[in-house]
PDB file of N, CA and C in Angstrom:
ATOM      1  N   MET A   1      38.135  23.794 -41.137  1.00  0.00           N
ATOM      2  CA  MET A   1      39.497  23.574 -41.570  1.00  0.00           C
ATOM      3  C   MET A   1      39.561  22.336 -42.468  1.00  0.00           C
ATOM      4  N   PHE A   2      38.722  22.349 -43.466  1.00  0.00           N
ATOM      5  CA  PHE A   2      38.647  21.271 -44.442  1.00  0.00           C
ATOM      6  C   PHE A   2      40.020  20.962 -45.036  1.00  0.00           C
ATOM      7  N   TYR A   3      40.755  22.003 -45.430  1.00  0.00           N
ATOM      8  CA  TYR A   3      42.065  21.796 -46.059  1.00  0.00           C
ATOM      9  C   TYR A   3      43.056  21.179 -45.085  1.00  0.00           C
ATOM     10  N   LEU A   4      42.961  21.546 -43.833  1.00  0.00           N
ATOM     11  CA  LEU A   4      43.839  20.985 -42.813  1.00  0.00           C
ATOM     12  C   LEU A   4      43.539  19.506 -42.618  1.00  0.00           C
ATOM     13  N   LYS A   5      42.268  19.184 -42.513  1.00  0.00           N
ATOM     14  CA  LYS A   5      41.851  17.801 -42.293  1.00  0.00           C
ATOM     15  C   LYS A   5      42.352  16.873 -43.393  1.00  0.00           C
ATOM     16  N   PHE A   6      42.351  17.353 -44.625  1.00  0.00           N
ATOM     17  CA  PHE A   6      42.772  16.524 -45.749  1.00  0.00           C
ATOM     18  C   PHE A   6      44.198  16.818 -46.204  1.00  0.00           C
ATOM     19  N   ASN A   7      44.954  17.509 -45.352  1.00  0.00           N
ATOM     20  CA  ASN A   7      46.378  17.752 -45.597  1.00  0.00           C
ATOM     21  C   ASN A   7      46.631  18.479 -46.917  1.00  0.00           C
ATOM     22  N   ASN A   8      45.735  19.367 -47.297  1.00  0.00           N
ATOM     23  CA  ASN A   8      45.907  20.135 -48.522  1.00  0.00           C
ATOM     24  C   ASN A   8      46.635  21.432 -48.176  1.00  0.00           C
ATOM     25  N   PHE A   9      47.954  21.319 -48.018  1.00  0.00           N
ATOM     26  CA  PHE A   9      48.742  22.455 -47.542  1.00  0.00           C
ATOM     27  C   PHE A   9      48.814  23.585 -48.557  1.00  0.00           C
ATOM     28  N   ASN A  10      48.653  23.301 -49.845  1.00  0.00           N
ATOM     29  CA  ASN A  10      48.672  24.374 -50.845  1.00  0.00           C
ATOM     30  C   ASN A  10      47.479  25.309 -50.672  1.00  0.00           C
ATOM     31  N   LYS A  11      46.288  24.751 -50.472  1.00  0.00           N
ATOM     32  CA  LYS A  11      45.086  25.581 -50.268  1.00  0.00           C
ATOM     33  C   LYS A  11      45.112  26.227 -48.884  1.00  0.00           C
ATOM     34  N   LEU A  12      45.578  25.487 -47.886  1.00  0.00           N
ATOM     35  CA  LEU A  12      45.670  26.020 -46.534  1.00  0.00           C
ATOM     36  C   LEU A  12      46.588  27.238 -46.500  1.00  0.00           C
ATOM     37  N   ALA A  13      47.681  27.174 -47.234  1.00  0.00           N
ATOM     38  CA  ALA A  13      48.653  28.274 -47.264  1.00  0.00           C
ATOM     39  C   ALA A  13      48.034  29.570 -47.775  1.00  0.00           C
ATOM     40  N   LYS A  14      46.997  29.464 -48.583  1.00  0.00           N
ATOM     41  CA  LYS A  14      46.335  30.656 -49.124  1.00  0.00           C
ATOM     42  C   LYS A  14      45.414  31.334 -48.106  1.00  0.00           C
ATOM     43  N   LEU A  15      45.103  30.658 -47.006  1.00  0.00           N
ATOM     44  CA  LEU A  15      44.220  31.215 -45.975  1.00  0.00           C
ATOM     45  C   LEU A  15      44.979  31.952 -44.879  1.00  0.00           C
ATOM     46  N   ILE A  16      46.276  32.050 -45.039  1.00  0.00           N
ATOM     47  CA  ILE A  16      47.130  32.597 -43.988  1.00  0.00           C
ATOM     48  C   ILE A  16      47.458  34.055 -44.257  1.00  0.00           C
ATOM     49  N   SER A  17      47.516  34.832 -43.192  1.00  0.00           N
ATOM     50  CA  SER A  17      47.957  36.219 -43.255  1.00  0.00           C
ATOM     51  C   SER A  17      49.465  36.227 -42.994  1.00  0.00           C
ATOM     52  N   TYR A  18      50.247  36.601 -44.006  1.00  0.00           N
ATOM     53  CA  TYR A  18      51.713  36.592 -43.879  1.00  0.00           C
ATOM     54  C   TYR A  18      52.236  37.962 -43.511  1.00  0.00           C
ATOM     55  N   PRO A  19      53.324  38.007 -42.755  1.00  0.00           N
ATOM     56  CA  PRO A  19      54.073  36.870 -42.214  1.00  0.00           C
ATOM     57  C   PRO A  19      53.272  36.169 -41.122  1.00  0.00           C
ATOM     58  N   ILE A  20      53.367  34.848 -41.085  1.00  0.00           N
ATOM     59  CA  ILE A  20      52.662  34.054 -40.074  1.00  0.00           C
ATOM     60  C   ILE A  20      53.602  33.776 -38.910  1.00  0.00           C
ATOM     61  N   LYS A  21      53.100  34.010 -37.719  1.00  0.00           N
ATOM     62  CA  LYS A  21      53.863  33.770 -36.492  1.00  0.00           C
ATOM     63  C   LYS A  21      53.631  32.330 -36.061  1.00  0.00           C
ATOM     64  N   VAL A  22      54.721  31.595 -35.852  1.00  0.00           N
ATOM     65  CA  VAL A  22      54.621  30.213 -35.399  1.00  0.00           C
ATOM     66  C   VAL A  22      55.445  30.071 -34.128  1.00  0.00           C
ATOM     67  N   ASN A  23      54.765  29.732 -33.044  1.00  0.00           N
ATOM     68  CA  ASN A  23      55.429  29.552 -31.752  1.00  0.00           C
ATOM     69  C   ASN A  23      55.723  28.076 -31.538  1.00  0.00           C
ATOM     70  N   PHE A  24      56.998  27.768 -31.403  1.00  0.00           N
ATOM     71  CA  PHE A  24      57.447  26.410 -31.111  1.00  0.00           C
ATOM     72  C   PHE A  24      57.900  26.361 -29.661  1.00  0.00           C
ATOM     73  N   ASP A  25      58.069  25.165 -29.113  1.00  0.00           N
ATOM     74  CA  ASP A  25      58.619  25.038 -27.759  1.00  0.00           C
ATOM     75  C   ASP A  25      59.971  25.739 -27.660  1.00  0.00           C
ATOM     76  N   SER A  26      60.718  25.730 -28.760  1.00  0.00           N
ATOM     77  CA  SER A  26      62.074  26.292 -28.774  1.00  0.00           C
ATOM     78  C   SER A  26      62.118  27.788 -29.059  1.00  0.00           C
ATOM     79  N   GLY A  27      60.989  28.400 -29.389  1.00  0.00           N
ATOM     80  CA  GLY A  27      60.964  29.829 -29.688  1.00  0.00           C
ATOM     81  C   GLY A  27      60.030  30.141 -30.846  1.00  0.00           C
ATOM     82  N   THR A  28      59.979  31.408 -31.223  1.00  0.00           N
ATOM     83  CA  THR A  28      59.072  31.884 -32.266  1.00  0.00           C
ATOM     84  C   THR A  28      59.804  32.055 -33.589  1.00  0.00           C
ATOM     85  N   GLU A  29      59.139  31.648 -34.662  1.00  0.00           N
ATOM     86  CA  GLU A  29      59.651  31.865 -36.015  1.00  0.00           C
ATOM     87  C   GLU A  29      58.548  32.522 -36.832  1.00  0.00           C
ATOM     88  N   TYR A  30      58.944  33.274 -37.846  1.00  0.00           N
ATOM     89  CA  TYR A  30      57.994  33.892 -38.766  1.00  0.00           C
ATOM     90  C   TYR A  30      58.236  33.336 -40.161  1.00  0.00           C
ATOM     91  N   PHE A  31      57.158  32.997 -40.846  1.00  0.00           N
ATOM     92  CA  PHE A  31      57.240  32.517 -42.217  1.00  0.00           C
ATOM     93  C   PHE A  31      56.564  33.570 -43.085  1.00  0.00           C
ATOM     94  N   ASN A  32      57.282  34.042 -44.093  1.00  0.00           N
ATOM     95  CA  ASN A  32      56.879  35.225 -44.843  1.00  0.00           C
ATOM     96  C   ASN A  32      56.068  34.987 -46.106  1.00  0.00           C
ATOM     97  N   SER A  33      55.900  33.739 -46.509  1.00  0.00           N
ATOM     98  CA  SER A  33      55.211  33.485 -47.773  1.00  0.00           C
ATOM     99  C   SER A  33      54.571  32.102 -47.777  1.00  0.00           C
ATOM    100  N   GLU A  34      53.701  31.895 -48.757  1.00  0.00           N
ATOM    101  CA  GLU A  34      53.091  30.577 -48.929  1.00  0.00           C
ATOM    102  C   GLU A  34      54.177  29.528 -49.129  1.00  0.00           C
ATOM    103  N   LYS A  35      55.176  29.862 -49.923  1.00  0.00           N
ATOM    104  CA  LYS A  35      56.262  28.914 -50.213  1.00  0.00           C
ATOM    105  C   LYS A  35      56.981  28.496 -48.931  1.00  0.00           C
ATOM    106  N   GLU A  36      57.300  29.455 -48.064  1.00  0.00           N
ATOM    107  CA  GLU A  36      57.973  29.129 -46.794  1.00  0.00           C
ATOM    108  C   GLU A  36      57.078  28.261 -45.920  1.00  0.00           C
ATOM    109  N   PHE A  37      55.787  28.604 -45.850  1.00  0.00           N
ATOM    110  CA  PHE A  37      54.859  27.816 -45.042  1.00  0.00           C
ATOM    111  C   PHE A  37      54.802  26.379 -45.547  1.00  0.00           C
ATOM    112  N   ILE A  38      54.640  26.202 -46.850  1.00  0.00           N
ATOM    113  CA  ILE A  38      54.544  24.864 -47.433  1.00  0.00           C
ATOM    114  C   ILE A  38      55.824  24.072 -47.185  1.00  0.00           C
ATOM    115  N   THR A  39      56.972  24.716 -47.318  1.00  0.00           N
ATOM    116  CA  THR A  39      58.257  24.049 -47.079  1.00  0.00           C
ATOM    117  C   THR A  39      58.346  23.505 -45.658  1.00  0.00           C
ATOM    118  N   HIS A  40      57.788  24.235 -44.695  1.00  0.00           N
ATOM    119  CA  HIS A  40      57.893  23.864 -43.280  1.00  0.00           C
ATOM    120  C   HIS A  40      56.597  23.273 -42.725  1.00  0.00           C
ATOM    121  N   TYR A  41      55.661  22.929 -43.600  1.00  0.00           N
ATOM    122  CA  TYR A  41      54.336  22.461 -43.193  1.00  0.00           C
ATOM    123  C   TYR A  41      54.390  21.331 -42.163  1.00  0.00           C
ATOM    124  N   SER A  42      55.197  20.313 -42.407  1.00  0.00           N
ATOM    125  CA  SER A  42      55.216  19.152 -41.498  1.00  0.00           C
ATOM    126  C   SER A  42      55.801  19.499 -40.132  1.00  0.00           C
ATOM    127  N   LYS A  43      56.575  20.554 -40.068  1.00  0.00           N
ATOM    128  CA  LYS A  43      57.121  21.034 -38.792  1.00  0.00           C
ATOM    129  C   LYS A  43      56.057  21.849 -38.034  1.00  0.00           C
ATOM    130  N   ILE A  44      55.181  22.514 -38.782  1.00  0.00           N
ATOM    131  CA  ILE A  44      54.167  23.389 -38.194  1.00  0.00           C
ATOM    132  C   ILE A  44      52.904  22.617 -37.819  1.00  0.00           C
ATOM    133  N   VAL A  45      52.385  21.844 -38.741  1.00  0.00           N
ATOM    134  CA  VAL A  45      51.144  21.098 -38.516  1.00  0.00           C
ATOM    135  C   VAL A  45      51.513  19.674 -38.117  1.00  0.00           C
ATOM    136  N   THR A  46      51.561  19.448 -36.822  1.00  0.00           N
ATOM    137  CA  THR A  46      51.990  18.157 -36.288  1.00  0.00           C
ATOM    138  C   THR A  46      50.797  17.224 -36.069  1.00  0.00           C
ATOM    139  N   ALA A  47      51.092  15.954 -35.904  1.00  0.00           N
ATOM    140  CA  ALA A  47      50.040  14.964 -35.624  1.00  0.00           C
ATOM    141  C   ALA A  47      49.324  15.297 -34.319  1.00  0.00           C
ATOM    142  N   GLU A  48      50.077  15.758 -33.340  1.00  0.00           N
ATOM    143  CA  GLU A  48      49.503  16.144 -32.043  1.00  0.00           C
ATOM    144  C   GLU A  48      48.496  17.283 -32.227  1.00  0.00           C
ATOM    145  N   MET A  49      48.876  18.290 -33.028  1.00  0.00           N
ATOM    146  CA  MET A  49      47.987  19.411 -33.304  1.00  0.00           C
ATOM    147  C   MET A  49      46.737  18.930 -34.040  1.00  0.00           C
ATOM    148  N   MET A  50      46.919  18.098 -35.036  1.00  0.00           N
ATOM    149  CA  MET A  50      45.789  17.600 -35.822  1.00  0.00           C
ATOM    150  C   MET A  50      44.790  16.839 -34.954  1.00  0.00           C
ATOM    151  N   ALA A  51      45.280  16.056 -34.018  1.00  0.00           N
ATOM    152  CA  ALA A  51      44.390  15.303 -33.127  1.00  0.00           C
ATOM    153  C   ALA A  51      43.513  16.258 -32.322  1.00  0.00           C
ATOM    154  N   ARG A  52      44.098  17.346 -31.819  1.00  0.00           N
ATOM    155  CA  ARG A  52      43.320  18.319 -31.047  1.00  0.00           C
ATOM    156  C   ARG A  52      42.325  19.066 -31.936  1.00  0.00           C
ATOM    157  N   VAL A  53      42.750  19.427 -33.128  1.00  0.00           N
ATOM    158  CA  VAL A  53      41.877  20.152 -34.048  1.00  0.00           C
ATOM    159  C   VAL A  53      40.680  19.286 -34.440  1.00  0.00           C
ATOM    160  N   LYS A  54      40.903  18.013 -34.691  1.00  0.00           N
ATOM    161  CA  LYS A  54      39.814  17.110 -35.080  1.00  0.00           C
ATOM    162  C   LYS A  54      38.790  16.927 -33.963  1.00  0.00           C
ATOM    163  N   ARG A  55      39.220  17.067 -32.714  1.00  0.00           N
ATOM    164  CA  ARG A  55      38.297  16.929 -31.575  1.00  0.00           C
ATOM    165  C   ARG A  55      37.553  18.229 -31.253  1.00  0.00           C
ATOM    166  N   GLN A  56      37.949  19.326 -31.882  1.00  0.00           N
ATOM    167  CA  GLN A  56      37.363  20.627 -31.578  1.00  0.00           C
ATOM    168  C   GLN A  56      35.865  20.635 -31.860  1.00  0.00           C
ATOM    169  N   LYS A  57      35.099  21.150 -30.916  1.00  0.00           N
ATOM    170  CA  LYS A  57      33.657  21.332 -31.094  1.00  0.00           C
ATOM    171  C   LYS A  57      33.387  22.818 -31.285  1.00  0.00           C
ATOM    172  N   PHE A  58      32.498  23.134 -32.195  1.00  0.00           N
ATOM    173  CA  PHE A  58      32.176  24.527 -32.469  1.00  0.00           C
ATOM    174  C   PHE A  58      31.731  25.251 -31.205  1.00  0.00           C
ATOM    175  N   SER A  59      30.962  24.576 -30.377  1.00  0.00           N
ATOM    176  CA  SER A  59      30.439  25.189 -29.147  1.00  0.00           C
ATOM    177  C   SER A  59      31.533  25.498 -28.128  1.00  0.00           C
ATOM    178  N   GLU A  60      32.730  24.968 -28.343  1.00  0.00           N
ATOM    179  CA  GLU A  60      33.832  25.177 -27.404  1.00  0.00           C
ATOM    180  C   GLU A  60      34.941  26.063 -27.967  1.00  0.00           C
ATOM    181  N   LEU A  61      34.670  26.782 -29.058  1.00  0.00           N
ATOM    182  CA  LEU A  61      35.675  27.691 -29.608  1.00  0.00           C
ATOM    183  C   LEU A  61      35.974  28.797 -28.601  1.00  0.00           C
ATOM    184  N   PHE A  62      37.231  29.197 -28.527  1.00  0.00           N
ATOM    185  CA  PHE A  62      37.638  30.288 -27.654  1.00  0.00           C
ATOM    186  C   PHE A  62      37.720  31.548 -28.503  1.00  0.00           C
ATOM    187  N   VAL A  63      37.093  32.627 -28.029  1.00  0.00           N
ATOM    188  CA  VAL A  63      37.089  33.892 -28.762  1.00  0.00           C
ATOM    189  C   VAL A  63      37.407  35.023 -27.798  1.00  0.00           C
ATOM    190  N   ASN A  64      38.283  35.945 -28.236  1.00  0.00           N
ATOM    191  CA  ASN A  64      38.530  37.179 -27.487  1.00  0.00           C
ATOM    192  C   ASN A  64      38.852  38.289 -28.487  1.00  0.00           C
ATOM    193  N   SER A  65      39.352  39.412 -28.012  1.00  0.00           N
ATOM    194  CA  SER A  65      39.602  40.554 -28.896  1.00  0.00           C
ATOM    195  C   SER A  65      40.733  40.304 -29.894  1.00  0.00           C
ATOM    196  N   TYR A  66      41.534  39.272 -29.683  1.00  0.00           N
ATOM    197  CA  TYR A  66      42.617  38.943 -30.621  1.00  0.00           C
ATOM    198  C   TYR A  66      42.135  38.048 -31.755  1.00  0.00           C
ATOM    199  N   GLY A  67      40.987  37.412 -31.581  1.00  0.00           N
ATOM    200  CA  GLY A  67      40.459  36.498 -32.590  1.00  0.00           C
ATOM    201  C   GLY A  67      39.875  35.271 -31.927  1.00  0.00           C
ATOM    202  N   MET A  68      39.986  34.134 -32.607  1.00  0.00           N
ATOM    203  CA  MET A  68      39.512  32.885 -32.018  1.00  0.00           C
ATOM    204  C   MET A  68      40.546  31.812 -32.276  1.00  0.00           C
ATOM    205  N   HIS A  69      40.518  30.789 -31.427  1.00  0.00           N
ATOM    206  CA  HIS A  69      41.454  29.696 -31.668  1.00  0.00           C
ATOM    207  C   HIS A  69      40.763  28.360 -31.557  1.00  0.00           C
ATOM    208  N   ILE A  70      41.397  27.363 -32.177  1.00  0.00           N
ATOM    209  CA  ILE A  70      40.929  25.988 -32.073  1.00  0.00           C
ATOM    210  C   ILE A  70      42.021  25.158 -31.424  1.00  0.00           C
ATOM    211  N   GLY A  71      41.621  24.021 -30.876  1.00  0.00           N
ATOM    212  CA  GLY A  71      42.565  23.198 -30.120  1.00  0.00           C
ATOM    213  C   GLY A  71      42.893  23.897 -28.822  1.00  0.00           C
ATOM    214  N   TYR A  72      44.111  23.721 -28.357  1.00  0.00           N
ATOM    215  CA  TYR A  72      44.587  24.412 -27.152  1.00  0.00           C
ATOM    216  C   TYR A  72      45.321  25.679 -27.557  1.00  0.00           C
ATOM    217  N   GLY A  73      44.716  26.450 -28.443  1.00  0.00           N
ATOM    218  CA  GLY A  73      45.378  27.638 -28.966  1.00  0.00           C
ATOM    219  C   GLY A  73      46.299  27.285 -30.114  1.00  0.00           C
ATOM    220  N   ASP A  74      46.098  26.102 -30.699  1.00  0.00           N
ATOM    221  CA  ASP A  74      46.970  25.633 -31.772  1.00  0.00           C
ATOM    222  C   ASP A  74      46.946  26.548 -32.990  1.00  0.00           C
ATOM    223  N   ILE A  75      45.750  26.952 -33.395  1.00  0.00           N
ATOM    224  CA  ILE A  75      45.614  27.778 -34.591  1.00  0.00           C
ATOM    225  C   ILE A  75      44.719  28.963 -34.259  1.00  0.00           C
ATOM    226  N   TRP A  76      45.228  30.178 -34.506  1.00  0.00           N
ATOM    227  CA  TRP A  76      44.488  31.408 -34.248  1.00  0.00           C
ATOM    228  C   TRP A  76      43.998  32.004 -35.558  1.00  0.00           C
ATOM    229  N   PHE A  77      42.765  32.527 -35.531  1.00  0.00           N
ATOM    230  CA  PHE A  77      42.152  33.191 -36.672  1.00  0.00           C
ATOM    231  C   PHE A  77      41.745  34.595 -36.242  1.00  0.00           C
ATOM    232  N   ALA A  78      41.707  35.502 -37.200  1.00  0.00           N
ATOM    233  CA  ALA A  78      41.206  36.846 -36.912  1.00  0.00           C
ATOM    234  C   ALA A  78      40.572  37.417 -38.172  1.00  0.00           C
ATOM    235  N   GLY A  79      39.650  38.329 -37.967  1.00  0.00           N
ATOM    236  CA  GLY A  79      39.039  39.045 -39.077  1.00  0.00           C
ATOM    237  C   GLY A  79      39.729  40.385 -39.251  1.00  0.00           C
ATOM    238  N   ARG A  80      39.879  40.786 -40.486  1.00  0.00           N
ATOM    239  CA  ARG A  80      40.493  42.079 -40.795  1.00  0.00           C
ATOM    240  C   ARG A  80      39.567  42.832 -41.751  1.00  0.00           C
ATOM    241  N   CYS A  81      39.449  44.135 -41.532  1.00  0.00           N
ATOM    242  CA  CYS A  81      38.640  44.963 -42.426  1.00  0.00           C
ATOM    243  C   CYS A  81      39.258  44.930 -43.821  1.00  0.00           C
ATOM    244  N   ALA A  82      38.423  44.694 -44.836  1.00  0.00           N
ATOM    245  CA  ALA A  82      38.944  44.536 -46.194  1.00  0.00           C
ATOM    246  C   ALA A  82      38.247  45.434 -47.215  1.00  0.00           C
ATOM    247  N   GLY A  83      37.301  46.239 -46.761  1.00  0.00           N
ATOM    248  CA  GLY A  83      36.569  47.108 -47.686  1.00  0.00           C
ATOM    249  C   GLY A  83      37.432  48.236 -48.220  1.00  0.00           C
ATOM    250  N   LYS A  84      37.100  48.712 -49.393  1.00  0.00           N
ATOM    251  CA  LYS A  84      37.866  49.787 -50.051  1.00  0.00           C
ATOM    252  C   LYS A  84      37.187  51.150 -49.935  1.00  0.00           C
ATOM    253  N   THR A  85      35.926  51.167 -49.513  1.00  0.00           N
ATOM    254  CA  THR A  85      35.184  52.420 -49.426  1.00  0.00           C
ATOM    255  C   THR A  85      35.505  53.126 -48.112  1.00  0.00           C
ATOM    256  N   PRO A  86      36.010  54.378 -48.177  1.00  0.00           N
ATOM    257  CA  PRO A  86      36.326  55.108 -46.949  1.00  0.00           C
ATOM    258  C   PRO A  86      35.115  55.182 -46.012  1.00  0.00           C
ATOM    259  N   GLY A  87      35.358  54.889 -44.750  1.00  0.00           N
ATOM    260  CA  GLY A  87      34.305  54.898 -43.747  1.00  0.00           C
ATOM    261  C   GLY A  87      33.509  53.604 -43.682  1.00  0.00           C
ATOM    262  N   LYS A  88      33.719  52.720 -44.649  1.00  0.00           N
ATOM    263  CA  LYS A  88      32.998  51.446 -44.682  1.00  0.00           C
ATOM    264  C   LYS A  88      33.967  50.273 -44.847  1.00  0.00           C
ATOM    265  N   GLU A  89      35.192  50.476 -44.412  1.00  0.00           N
ATOM    266  CA  GLU A  89      36.217  49.442 -44.580  1.00  0.00           C
ATOM    267  C   GLU A  89      35.830  48.112 -43.942  1.00  0.00           C
ATOM    268  N   CYS A  90      35.098  48.181 -42.836  1.00  0.00           N
ATOM    269  CA  CYS A  90      34.745  46.950 -42.115  1.00  0.00           C
ATOM    270  C   CYS A  90      33.408  46.354 -42.559  1.00  0.00           C
ATOM    271  N   ASP A  91      32.824  46.902 -43.627  1.00  0.00           N
ATOM    272  CA  ASP A  91      31.636  46.265 -44.199  1.00  0.00           C
ATOM    273  C   ASP A  91      32.024  44.946 -44.863  1.00  0.00           C
ATOM    274  N   GLU A  92      33.291  44.840 -45.259  1.00  0.00           N
ATOM    275  CA  GLU A  92      33.846  43.594 -45.793  1.00  0.00           C
ATOM    276  C   GLU A  92      34.928  43.130 -44.837  1.00  0.00           C
ATOM    277  N   VAL A  93      34.892  41.862 -44.475  1.00  0.00           N
ATOM    278  CA  VAL A  93      35.884  41.319 -43.544  1.00  0.00           C
ATOM    279  C   VAL A  93      36.507  40.069 -44.150  1.00  0.00           C
ATOM    280  N   THR A  94      37.815  39.971 -44.024  1.00  0.00           N
ATOM    281  CA  THR A  94      38.537  38.779 -44.450  1.00  0.00           C
ATOM    282  C   THR A  94      38.996  38.051 -43.201  1.00  0.00           C
ATOM    283  N   ILE A  95      38.711  36.760 -43.119  1.00  0.00           N
ATOM    284  CA  ILE A  95      39.157  35.953 -41.984  1.00  0.00           C
ATOM    285  C   ILE A  95      40.346  35.129 -42.435  1.00  0.00           C
ATOM    286  N   SER A  96      41.414  35.169 -41.645  1.00  0.00           N
ATOM    287  CA  SER A  96      42.610  34.414 -42.006  1.00  0.00           C
ATOM    288  C   SER A  96      43.288  33.855 -40.766  1.00  0.00           C
ATOM    289  N   VAL A  97      44.169  32.902 -40.999  1.00  0.00           N
ATOM    290  CA  VAL A  97      44.973  32.325 -39.923  1.00  0.00           C
ATOM    291  C   VAL A  97      46.055  33.339 -39.580  1.00  0.00           C
ATOM    292  N   THR A  98      46.204  33.648 -38.295  1.00  0.00           N
ATOM    293  CA  THR A  98      47.188  34.644 -37.876  1.00  0.00           C
ATOM    294  C   THR A  98      48.340  34.071 -37.070  1.00  0.00           C
ATOM    295  N   ALA A  99      48.188  32.865 -36.520  1.00  0.00           N
ATOM    296  CA  ALA A  99      49.286  32.273 -35.741  1.00  0.00           C
ATOM    297  C   ALA A  99      49.059  30.782 -35.542  1.00  0.00           C
ATOM    298  N   TYR A 100      50.163  30.079 -35.404  1.00  0.00           N
ATOM    299  CA  TYR A 100      50.159  28.662 -35.032  1.00  0.00           C
ATOM    300  C   TYR A 100      50.973  28.531 -33.758  1.00  0.00           C
ATOM    301  N   ASN A 101      50.520  27.707 -32.852  1.00  0.00           N
ATOM    302  CA  ASN A 101      51.271  27.393 -31.641  1.00  0.00           C
ATOM    303  C   ASN A 101      51.566  25.902 -31.664  1.00  0.00           C
ATOM    304  N   VAL A 102      52.817  25.574 -31.922  1.00  0.00           N
ATOM    305  CA  VAL A 102      53.235  24.176 -32.050  1.00  0.00           C
ATOM    306  C   VAL A 102      53.917  23.785 -30.747  1.00  0.00           C
ATOM    307  N   ASN A 103      53.126  23.746 -29.694  1.00  0.00           N
ATOM    308  CA  ASN A 103      53.646  23.421 -28.371  1.00  0.00           C
ATOM    309  C   ASN A 103      53.172  22.035 -27.982  1.00  0.00           C
ATOM    310  N   HIS A 104      54.008  21.333 -27.311  1.00  0.00           N
ATOM    311  CA  HIS A 104      53.654  19.981 -26.896  1.00  0.00           C
ATOM    312  C   HIS A 104      52.997  20.049 -25.526  1.00  0.00           C
ATOM    313  N   VAL A 105      51.695  19.795 -25.511  1.00  0.00           N
ATOM    314  CA  VAL A 105      50.925  19.808 -24.271  1.00  0.00           C
ATOM    315  C   VAL A 105      50.189  18.491 -24.158  1.00  0.00           C
ATOM    316  N   LYS A 106      49.833  18.159 -22.963  1.00  0.00           N
ATOM    317  CA  LYS A 106      49.063  16.938 -22.757  1.00  0.00           C
ATOM    318  C   LYS A 106      47.615  17.208 -23.108  1.00  0.00           C
ATOM    319  N   SER A 107      47.064  16.410 -23.993  1.00  0.00           N
ATOM    320  CA  SER A 107      45.663  16.546 -24.392  1.00  0.00           C
ATOM    321  C   SER A 107      44.768  15.978 -23.311  1.00  0.00           C
ATOM    322  N   LYS A 108      43.569  16.519 -23.229  1.00  0.00           N
ATOM    323  CA  LYS A 108      42.575  16.012 -22.275  1.00  0.00           C
ATOM    324  C   LYS A 108      42.004  14.716 -22.778  1.00  0.00           C
TER     325      LYS A 108
END
């Protein structure tokens, strides 16, 4: 998450699968475009989230059938089949951010 680490929200916005689901303590919101994500970036990517993401170790990534997440489920990623050849759609895979969880939890 090079772009996240250096706060490059324009490049980060291009890695997202829209609409992006963002879960806040107050409820869920969906952002439908790069422009919407960038407008609300500081609300979505909080200092608390960044601290957890920076501490993430590759060996401790959580992975299941929905994808993988970093932090305490702060940012979810998933692969999607992107091939154009019938029967070989999954020979090409695109990995993108599929959800953010902006919940306030106590860090370890």
